[in-house]
Each structure stands twice: as structure tokens, then as C-alpha cells.
Amino acid sequence: MKDISPSIFTNSVIYFFIGLTVLLGINFFDYRRLKVYGFNLYAGTIFIWLMLLGLGKTFINGKPYLNLGFININYIDVTPVLLTIAVAGIFLNKDWAKPNWFVSTVFLLIVPNILYIGSSSVASAIIYTVVYLILMVLSGARKNSMLA
């Protein structure tokens, strides 16, 4: 029987350095450049999510994974980060005095939460909702907007 420990060690070292490179890239990335693409990032995230739910075949622990051929990505657990960046960009110049604030706010909050429940990820739904409410407060929403 062939000893598989060296290949496991080699794979671990390779993935460690890939992860370290991604971590450093994320750490030094300037997220302020994404604020103008807030709605596009939101729409793209939701679109990929819907495609994944409709066409995704790889399910691990009840969650669909994004299969890129050589790696499976837990897209559902990445979406809170993507949606947070998108909502922060959308809320940057949001005028809470306009009458249409309620419709856009409900759309931005409810659609991802429905998808989270459909994706068997209640923890991500809670995280997104808490972060969403914090972003509302930081963007200047009034208390009646928060209660609604």
C-alpha cells in the first residue's frame, strides 16, 4: 500500500500558501474603489446565487457549492461579505427622506434572507441582517426607518 502522507503534506503546504496570498491580497485591497459598483455587485451576487441554486449540483451539508472544476467554493458563506460591500456602496449616498426608501430597503434585506433560508444557511441570514441594520444606522437612517 502506497503511503499517502507526503501528498497530503504537499497539498496542505500548497493550499496554505494560496490562502496566505489571498489573505494578503484581501488585506491590502482598497474597498473604496468598489463603492460605485454597489448595485452591480449586489445584482451579480444575487444572480450567481440564483444560478447556483437552480443549476448547482454539488451539495455538501445541504448547501450548494460553486464548482469551478478544480475547487468547490462555499458561495453561500461568501455572500455576506459580498452583500455587505454592495450594501455599503448603495447606502453611501442614500437619502432616507425620499418616499421610496422602504421598497428598496425591503428588497435589499428580504431577497437575500429568502435565499439564505432556501440555501439552508440561517446563520448567514442572521449575520447579514445584523450587518445590514448596522449599515443602516451608520448611513443615517432614522429610528422609524429602522423599526419599519
N, C-alpha and C. Protein backbone atom coordinates (compact mmCIF):
# COMPACT_ATOMS: atom_id res chain seq x y z
N MET A 1 0.84 -1.17 0.00
CA MET A 1 0.00 0.00 0.00
C MET A 1 0.88 1.23 0.00
N LYS A 2 0.53 2.18 -0.85
CA LYS A 2 1.33 3.38 -1.01
C LYS A 2 1.06 4.35 0.14
N ASP A 3 2.11 4.95 0.66
CA ASP A 3 1.98 5.91 1.74
C ASP A 3 1.51 7.25 1.15
N ILE A 4 0.37 7.76 1.64
CA ILE A 4 -0.19 8.99 1.07
C ILE A 4 0.17 10.24 1.87
N SER A 5 0.91 10.12 2.97
CA SER A 5 1.21 11.28 3.79
C SER A 5 1.99 12.37 3.06
N PRO A 6 3.00 12.05 2.24
CA PRO A 6 3.68 13.15 1.56
C PRO A 6 2.77 13.96 0.64
N SER A 7 1.83 13.31 -0.03
CA SER A 7 0.95 14.07 -0.90
C SER A 7 -0.02 14.93 -0.09
N ILE A 8 -0.45 14.45 1.05
CA ILE A 8 -1.31 15.26 1.90
C ILE A 8 -0.54 16.46 2.43
N PHE A 9 0.70 16.24 2.85
CA PHE A 9 1.54 17.34 3.32
C PHE A 9 1.80 18.35 2.21
N THR A 10 2.11 17.86 1.04
CA THR A 10 2.38 18.74 -0.09
C THR A 10 1.15 19.56 -0.44
N ASN A 11 0.00 18.93 -0.50
CA ASN A 11 -1.24 19.66 -0.77
C ASN A 11 -1.53 20.70 0.30
N SER A 12 -1.29 20.33 1.55
CA SER A 12 -1.52 21.28 2.65
C SER A 12 -0.62 22.50 2.53
N VAL A 13 0.62 22.29 2.18
CA VAL A 13 1.56 23.41 2.03
C VAL A 13 1.14 24.29 0.85
N ILE A 14 0.76 23.68 -0.25
CA ILE A 14 0.33 24.45 -1.42
C ILE A 14 -0.91 25.28 -1.09
N TYR A 15 -1.92 24.67 -0.47
CA TYR A 15 -3.13 25.40 -0.13
C TYR A 15 -2.87 26.46 0.93
N PHE A 16 -1.93 26.22 1.82
CA PHE A 16 -1.56 27.22 2.82
C PHE A 16 -1.02 28.47 2.13
N PHE A 17 -0.12 28.30 1.19
CA PHE A 17 0.46 29.46 0.52
C PHE A 17 -0.54 30.15 -0.41
N ILE A 18 -1.44 29.39 -1.01
CA ILE A 18 -2.51 30.02 -1.81
C ILE A 18 -3.41 30.85 -0.89
N GLY A 19 -3.78 30.28 0.24
CA GLY A 19 -4.61 31.01 1.21
C GLY A 19 -3.91 32.23 1.76
N LEU A 20 -2.63 32.13 2.04
CA LEU A 20 -1.86 33.26 2.54
C LEU A 20 -1.79 34.37 1.50
N THR A 21 -1.61 34.01 0.25
CA THR A 21 -1.58 35.00 -0.83
C THR A 21 -2.93 35.71 -0.96
N VAL A 22 -4.01 34.94 -0.91
CA VAL A 22 -5.35 35.54 -1.00
C VAL A 22 -5.60 36.44 0.21
N LEU A 23 -5.21 36.00 1.39
CA LEU A 23 -5.37 36.80 2.60
C LEU A 23 -4.63 38.12 2.50
N LEU A 24 -3.40 38.09 2.05
CA LEU A 24 -2.63 39.33 1.90
C LEU A 24 -3.23 40.24 0.83
N GLY A 25 -3.71 39.63 -0.25
CA GLY A 25 -4.37 40.43 -1.29
C GLY A 25 -5.61 41.11 -0.78
N ILE A 26 -6.43 40.40 -0.02
CA ILE A 26 -7.64 40.98 0.56
C ILE A 26 -7.30 42.06 1.57
N ASN A 27 -6.24 41.85 2.34
CA ASN A 27 -5.84 42.80 3.37
C ASN A 27 -5.42 44.13 2.77
N PHE A 28 -4.73 44.11 1.65
CA PHE A 28 -4.21 45.35 1.07
C PHE A 28 -5.10 45.92 -0.02
N PHE A 29 -6.24 45.31 -0.27
CA PHE A 29 -7.15 45.79 -1.30
C PHE A 29 -7.92 47.01 -0.79
N ASP A 30 -8.08 48.01 -1.62
CA ASP A 30 -8.81 49.23 -1.25
C ASP A 30 -10.28 49.07 -1.65
N TYR A 31 -11.12 48.80 -0.67
CA TYR A 31 -12.54 48.55 -0.93
C TYR A 31 -13.30 49.79 -1.34
N ARG A 32 -12.72 50.97 -1.13
CA ARG A 32 -13.40 52.21 -1.52
C ARG A 32 -13.59 52.29 -3.02
N ARG A 33 -12.78 51.57 -3.77
CA ARG A 33 -12.94 51.56 -5.23
C ARG A 33 -14.21 50.83 -5.65
N LEU A 34 -14.77 50.00 -4.78
CA LEU A 34 -15.98 49.23 -5.12
C LEU A 34 -17.27 49.97 -4.84
N LYS A 35 -17.21 51.12 -4.16
CA LYS A 35 -18.46 51.78 -3.74
C LYS A 35 -19.32 52.23 -4.92
N VAL A 36 -18.72 52.54 -6.05
CA VAL A 36 -19.51 52.95 -7.21
C VAL A 36 -20.19 51.76 -7.88
N TYR A 37 -19.74 50.56 -7.57
CA TYR A 37 -20.31 49.35 -8.16
C TYR A 37 -21.25 48.63 -7.20
N GLY A 38 -21.78 49.33 -6.21
CA GLY A 38 -22.60 48.71 -5.18
C GLY A 38 -23.77 47.92 -5.73
N PHE A 39 -24.59 48.54 -6.57
CA PHE A 39 -25.76 47.84 -7.08
C PHE A 39 -25.35 46.71 -8.02
N ASN A 40 -24.31 46.93 -8.83
CA ASN A 40 -23.85 45.88 -9.74
C ASN A 40 -23.34 44.67 -8.97
N LEU A 41 -22.62 44.91 -7.89
CA LEU A 41 -22.12 43.81 -7.06
C LEU A 41 -23.28 43.06 -6.40
N TYR A 42 -24.28 43.82 -5.93
CA TYR A 42 -25.46 43.20 -5.32
C TYR A 42 -26.19 42.33 -6.34
N ALA A 43 -26.46 42.90 -7.51
CA ALA A 43 -27.20 42.16 -8.54
C ALA A 43 -26.41 40.95 -9.03
N GLY A 44 -25.10 41.09 -9.20
CA GLY A 44 -24.27 39.97 -9.63
C GLY A 44 -24.23 38.85 -8.60
N THR A 45 -24.15 39.23 -7.33
CA THR A 45 -24.14 38.23 -6.25
C THR A 45 -25.45 37.45 -6.23
N ILE A 46 -26.56 38.16 -6.33
CA ILE A 46 -27.87 37.50 -6.33
C ILE A 46 -28.04 36.64 -7.58
N PHE A 47 -27.58 37.13 -8.73
CA PHE A 47 -27.71 36.36 -9.97
C PHE A 47 -26.93 35.05 -9.90
N ILE A 48 -25.67 35.13 -9.47
CA ILE A 48 -24.87 33.90 -9.34
C ILE A 48 -25.50 32.95 -8.33
N TRP A 49 -26.04 33.50 -7.25
CA TRP A 49 -26.69 32.70 -6.22
C TRP A 49 -27.90 31.96 -6.79
N LEU A 50 -28.73 32.67 -7.56
CA LEU A 50 -29.90 32.03 -8.15
C LEU A 50 -29.49 30.96 -9.17
N MET A 51 -28.46 31.24 -9.94
CA MET A 51 -27.96 30.24 -10.90
C MET A 51 -27.44 29.02 -10.15
N LEU A 52 -26.76 29.26 -9.04
CA LEU A 52 -26.21 28.16 -8.25
C LEU A 52 -27.33 27.31 -7.65
N LEU A 53 -28.38 27.96 -7.17
CA LEU A 53 -29.50 27.21 -6.61
C LEU A 53 -30.25 26.44 -7.69
N GLY A 54 -30.34 27.03 -8.87
CA GLY A 54 -31.07 26.38 -9.95
C GLY A 54 -30.28 25.31 -10.67
N LEU A 55 -28.98 25.55 -10.86
CA LEU A 55 -28.18 24.64 -11.66
C LEU A 55 -27.10 23.92 -10.87
N GLY A 56 -26.87 24.34 -9.63
CA GLY A 56 -25.80 23.73 -8.84
C GLY A 56 -26.10 22.28 -8.51
N LYS A 57 -25.10 21.43 -8.66
CA LYS A 57 -25.29 20.01 -8.40
C LYS A 57 -24.50 19.51 -7.22
N THR A 58 -23.52 20.26 -6.79
CA THR A 58 -22.69 19.82 -5.69
C THR A 58 -23.29 20.31 -4.38
N PHE A 59 -23.76 19.40 -3.57
CA PHE A 59 -24.34 19.76 -2.28
C PHE A 59 -23.51 19.12 -1.18
N ILE A 60 -23.06 19.94 -0.26
CA ILE A 60 -22.32 19.47 0.90
C ILE A 60 -23.02 20.05 2.12
N ASN A 61 -23.46 19.22 3.02
CA ASN A 61 -24.22 19.63 4.21
C ASN A 61 -25.46 20.43 3.83
N GLY A 62 -26.10 20.10 2.74
CA GLY A 62 -27.33 20.75 2.33
C GLY A 62 -27.13 22.08 1.62
N LYS A 63 -25.89 22.51 1.43
CA LYS A 63 -25.62 23.78 0.77
C LYS A 63 -25.04 23.54 -0.62
N PRO A 64 -25.52 24.30 -1.60
CA PRO A 64 -24.91 24.16 -2.92
C PRO A 64 -23.56 24.86 -2.95
N TYR A 65 -22.59 24.22 -3.57
CA TYR A 65 -21.25 24.78 -3.70
C TYR A 65 -21.01 25.19 -5.14
N LEU A 66 -20.24 26.24 -5.32
CA LEU A 66 -19.85 26.68 -6.65
C LEU A 66 -18.67 25.84 -7.10
N ASN A 67 -18.88 25.03 -8.13
CA ASN A 67 -17.84 24.12 -8.61
C ASN A 67 -17.12 24.79 -9.77
N LEU A 68 -15.83 25.09 -9.57
CA LEU A 68 -15.02 25.71 -10.62
C LEU A 68 -14.15 24.70 -11.35
N GLY A 69 -14.43 23.44 -11.17
CA GLY A 69 -13.67 22.39 -11.85
C GLY A 69 -12.57 21.83 -10.98
N PHE A 70 -11.71 22.70 -10.48
CA PHE A 70 -10.60 22.24 -9.66
C PHE A 70 -10.83 22.51 -8.17
N ILE A 71 -11.85 23.27 -7.84
CA ILE A 71 -12.14 23.59 -6.44
C ILE A 71 -13.63 23.86 -6.28
N ASN A 72 -14.16 23.48 -5.14
CA ASN A 72 -15.54 23.79 -4.77
C ASN A 72 -15.51 24.95 -3.77
N ILE A 73 -16.29 26.00 -4.06
CA ILE A 73 -16.33 27.17 -3.19
C ILE A 73 -17.69 27.23 -2.51
N ASN A 74 -17.66 27.40 -1.20
CA ASN A 74 -18.90 27.56 -0.44
C ASN A 74 -19.40 28.99 -0.66
N TYR A 75 -20.08 29.19 -1.76
CA TYR A 75 -20.52 30.52 -2.19
C TYR A 75 -21.49 31.14 -1.19
N ILE A 76 -22.31 30.32 -0.58
CA ILE A 76 -23.32 30.83 0.36
C ILE A 76 -22.65 31.53 1.54
N ASP A 77 -21.54 31.00 2.01
CA ASP A 77 -20.85 31.62 3.14
C ASP A 77 -19.97 32.80 2.73
N VAL A 78 -19.78 33.01 1.44
CA VAL A 78 -19.04 34.17 0.94
C VAL A 78 -19.99 35.34 0.69
N THR A 79 -21.25 35.05 0.45
CA THR A 79 -22.21 36.09 0.10
C THR A 79 -22.40 37.17 1.17
N PRO A 80 -22.33 36.89 2.49
CA PRO A 80 -22.46 38.01 3.42
C PRO A 80 -21.40 39.09 3.22
N VAL A 81 -20.19 38.69 2.88
CA VAL A 81 -19.12 39.66 2.64
C VAL A 81 -19.42 40.46 1.37
N LEU A 82 -19.79 39.76 0.29
CA LEU A 82 -20.09 40.45 -0.96
C LEU A 82 -21.28 41.38 -0.82
N LEU A 83 -22.33 40.92 -0.14
CA LEU A 83 -23.51 41.75 0.03
C LEU A 83 -23.25 42.93 0.96
N THR A 84 -22.39 42.75 1.95
CA THR A 84 -22.04 43.86 2.85
C THR A 84 -21.33 44.96 2.08
N ILE A 85 -20.39 44.59 1.24
CA ILE A 85 -19.68 45.58 0.42
C ILE A 85 -20.66 46.27 -0.52
N ALA A 86 -21.57 45.50 -1.11
CA ALA A 86 -22.55 46.07 -2.05
C ALA A 86 -23.49 47.03 -1.34
N VAL A 87 -24.03 46.63 -0.20
CA VAL A 87 -24.99 47.47 0.52
C VAL A 87 -24.30 48.72 1.06
N ALA A 88 -23.06 48.59 1.48
CA ALA A 88 -22.32 49.78 1.94
C ALA A 88 -22.19 50.79 0.81
N GLY A 89 -21.94 50.33 -0.40
CA GLY A 89 -21.87 51.23 -1.55
C GLY A 89 -23.22 51.82 -1.89
N ILE A 90 -24.28 51.04 -1.77
CA ILE A 90 -25.63 51.53 -2.06
C ILE A 90 -26.07 52.56 -1.03
N PHE A 91 -25.76 52.30 0.24
CA PHE A 91 -26.17 53.20 1.32
C PHE A 91 -25.31 54.45 1.43
N LEU A 92 -24.22 54.53 0.69
CA LEU A 92 -23.29 55.64 0.82
C LEU A 92 -23.97 56.99 0.58
N ASN A 93 -24.74 57.12 -0.46
CA ASN A 93 -25.43 58.38 -0.77
C ASN A 93 -26.94 58.24 -0.67
N LYS A 94 -27.40 57.34 0.17
CA LYS A 94 -28.84 57.08 0.30
C LYS A 94 -29.53 58.24 1.01
N ASP A 95 -30.61 58.69 0.42
CA ASP A 95 -31.42 59.75 1.03
C ASP A 95 -32.62 59.08 1.70
N TRP A 96 -32.59 59.02 3.02
CA TRP A 96 -33.63 58.33 3.77
C TRP A 96 -34.92 59.15 3.86
N ALA A 97 -34.91 60.39 3.37
CA ALA A 97 -36.11 61.22 3.40
C ALA A 97 -37.01 60.95 2.20
N LYS A 98 -36.50 60.33 1.16
CA LYS A 98 -37.31 60.04 -0.03
C LYS A 98 -38.35 58.98 0.30
N PRO A 99 -39.51 59.04 -0.35
CA PRO A 99 -40.57 58.09 -0.03
C PRO A 99 -40.31 56.66 -0.48
N ASN A 100 -39.38 56.43 -1.39
CA ASN A 100 -39.15 55.06 -1.88
C ASN A 100 -38.11 54.31 -1.08
N TRP A 101 -37.68 54.84 0.06
CA TRP A 101 -36.64 54.17 0.85
C TRP A 101 -37.11 52.81 1.36
N PHE A 102 -38.41 52.69 1.65
CA PHE A 102 -38.92 51.45 2.24
C PHE A 102 -38.85 50.30 1.24
N VAL A 103 -39.22 50.55 -0.01
CA VAL A 103 -39.23 49.49 -1.02
C VAL A 103 -37.82 48.99 -1.28
N SER A 104 -36.88 49.91 -1.46
CA SER A 104 -35.50 49.48 -1.73
C SER A 104 -34.88 48.80 -0.52
N THR A 105 -35.22 49.28 0.67
CA THR A 105 -34.67 48.67 1.88
C THR A 105 -35.20 47.25 2.06
N VAL A 106 -36.47 47.07 1.84
CA VAL A 106 -37.06 45.72 1.97
C VAL A 106 -36.47 44.80 0.91
N PHE A 107 -36.32 45.30 -0.31
CA PHE A 107 -35.76 44.48 -1.38
C PHE A 107 -34.33 44.06 -1.05
N LEU A 108 -33.52 45.00 -0.56
CA LEU A 108 -32.12 44.70 -0.27
C LEU A 108 -31.96 43.76 0.92
N LEU A 109 -32.93 43.74 1.82
CA LEU A 109 -32.84 42.89 3.00
C LEU A 109 -33.56 41.55 2.83
N ILE A 110 -34.75 41.58 2.28
CA ILE A 110 -35.59 40.39 2.24
C ILE A 110 -35.13 39.37 1.20
N VAL A 111 -34.75 39.82 0.01
CA VAL A 111 -34.35 38.88 -1.05
C VAL A 111 -33.18 37.99 -0.61
N PRO A 112 -32.07 38.56 -0.07
CA PRO A 112 -31.01 37.66 0.39
C PRO A 112 -31.43 36.74 1.53
N ASN A 113 -32.28 37.24 2.43
CA ASN A 113 -32.72 36.39 3.54
C ASN A 113 -33.57 35.22 3.05
N ILE A 114 -34.39 35.43 2.05
CA ILE A 114 -35.16 34.33 1.47
C ILE A 114 -34.21 33.31 0.83
N LEU A 115 -33.20 33.82 0.14
CA LEU A 115 -32.22 32.92 -0.48
C LEU A 115 -31.39 32.18 0.57
N TYR A 116 -31.08 32.85 1.68
CA TYR A 116 -30.34 32.17 2.76
C TYR A 116 -31.17 31.02 3.34
N ILE A 117 -32.44 31.28 3.57
CA ILE A 117 -33.30 30.22 4.12
C ILE A 117 -33.41 29.08 3.11
N GLY A 118 -33.54 29.41 1.81
CA GLY A 118 -33.60 28.38 0.77
C GLY A 118 -32.29 27.62 0.61
N SER A 119 -31.20 28.23 1.05
CA SER A 119 -29.88 27.59 0.95
C SER A 119 -29.45 26.91 2.24
N SER A 120 -30.36 26.79 3.19
CA SER A 120 -30.08 26.14 4.47
C SER A 120 -28.94 26.81 5.23
N SER A 121 -28.97 28.14 5.28
CA SER A 121 -27.92 28.87 5.97
C SER A 121 -28.53 29.99 6.82
N VAL A 122 -29.13 29.59 7.92
CA VAL A 122 -29.78 30.55 8.82
C VAL A 122 -28.74 31.44 9.49
N ALA A 123 -27.58 30.91 9.81
CA ALA A 123 -26.53 31.70 10.45
C ALA A 123 -26.09 32.85 9.55
N SER A 124 -25.94 32.60 8.26
CA SER A 124 -25.57 33.66 7.33
C SER A 124 -26.68 34.69 7.21
N ALA A 125 -27.92 34.26 7.29
CA ALA A 125 -29.05 35.20 7.25
C ALA A 125 -29.01 36.13 8.46
N ILE A 126 -28.71 35.59 9.62
CA ILE A 126 -28.63 36.41 10.83
C ILE A 126 -27.46 37.38 10.73
N ILE A 127 -26.32 36.91 10.27
CA ILE A 127 -25.15 37.78 10.12
C ILE A 127 -25.46 38.91 9.15
N TYR A 128 -26.04 38.59 8.00
CA TYR A 128 -26.36 39.62 7.01
C TYR A 128 -27.37 40.63 7.56
N THR A 129 -28.38 40.17 8.27
CA THR A 129 -29.39 41.08 8.81
C THR A 129 -28.78 42.03 9.84
N VAL A 130 -27.94 41.52 10.72
CA VAL A 130 -27.30 42.38 11.74
C VAL A 130 -26.39 43.40 11.07
N VAL A 131 -25.58 42.97 10.13
CA VAL A 131 -24.69 43.89 9.43
C VAL A 131 -25.49 44.92 8.64
N TYR A 132 -26.59 44.49 8.02
CA TYR A 132 -27.46 45.39 7.26
C TYR A 132 -28.02 46.49 8.17
N LEU A 133 -28.50 46.10 9.34
CA LEU A 133 -29.04 47.09 10.27
C LEU A 133 -27.96 48.05 10.77
N ILE A 134 -26.76 47.55 11.00
CA ILE A 134 -25.66 48.42 11.41
C ILE A 134 -25.32 49.41 10.29
N LEU A 135 -25.32 48.94 9.05
CA LEU A 135 -25.06 49.84 7.93
C LEU A 135 -26.16 50.89 7.78
N MET A 136 -27.40 50.51 8.08
CA MET A 136 -28.49 51.49 8.04
C MET A 136 -28.24 52.59 9.06
N VAL A 137 -27.85 52.23 10.27
CA VAL A 137 -27.59 53.21 11.31
C VAL A 137 -26.43 54.12 10.91
N LEU A 138 -25.37 53.52 10.40
CA LEU A 138 -24.19 54.31 10.03
C LEU A 138 -24.43 55.20 8.82
N SER A 139 -25.40 54.86 7.99
CA SER A 139 -25.68 55.68 6.82
C SER A 139 -26.68 56.79 7.11
N GLY A 140 -27.17 56.87 8.35
CA GLY A 140 -28.03 57.98 8.74
C GLY A 140 -29.51 57.69 8.72
N ALA A 141 -29.91 56.45 8.74
CA ALA A 141 -31.33 56.12 8.76
C ALA A 141 -31.94 56.53 10.10
N ARG A 142 -33.16 57.01 10.03
CA ARG A 142 -33.84 57.41 11.27
C ARG A 142 -34.38 56.19 11.98
N LYS A 143 -34.78 56.39 13.24
CA LYS A 143 -35.27 55.26 14.04
C LYS A 143 -36.54 54.68 13.46
N ASN A 144 -37.41 55.50 12.90
CA ASN A 144 -38.64 54.95 12.32
C ASN A 144 -38.32 54.09 11.10
N SER A 145 -37.23 54.40 10.39
CA SER A 145 -36.81 53.56 9.26
C SER A 145 -36.34 52.21 9.79
N MET A 146 -35.65 52.24 10.89
CA MET A 146 -35.15 51.00 11.48
C MET A 146 -36.30 50.13 11.97
N LEU A 147 -37.28 50.74 12.60
CA LEU A 147 -38.41 49.98 13.13
C LEU A 147 -39.28 49.40 12.02
N ALA A 148 -39.38 50.12 10.94
CA ALA A 148 -40.20 49.64 9.82
C ALA A 148 -39.56 48.40 9.23
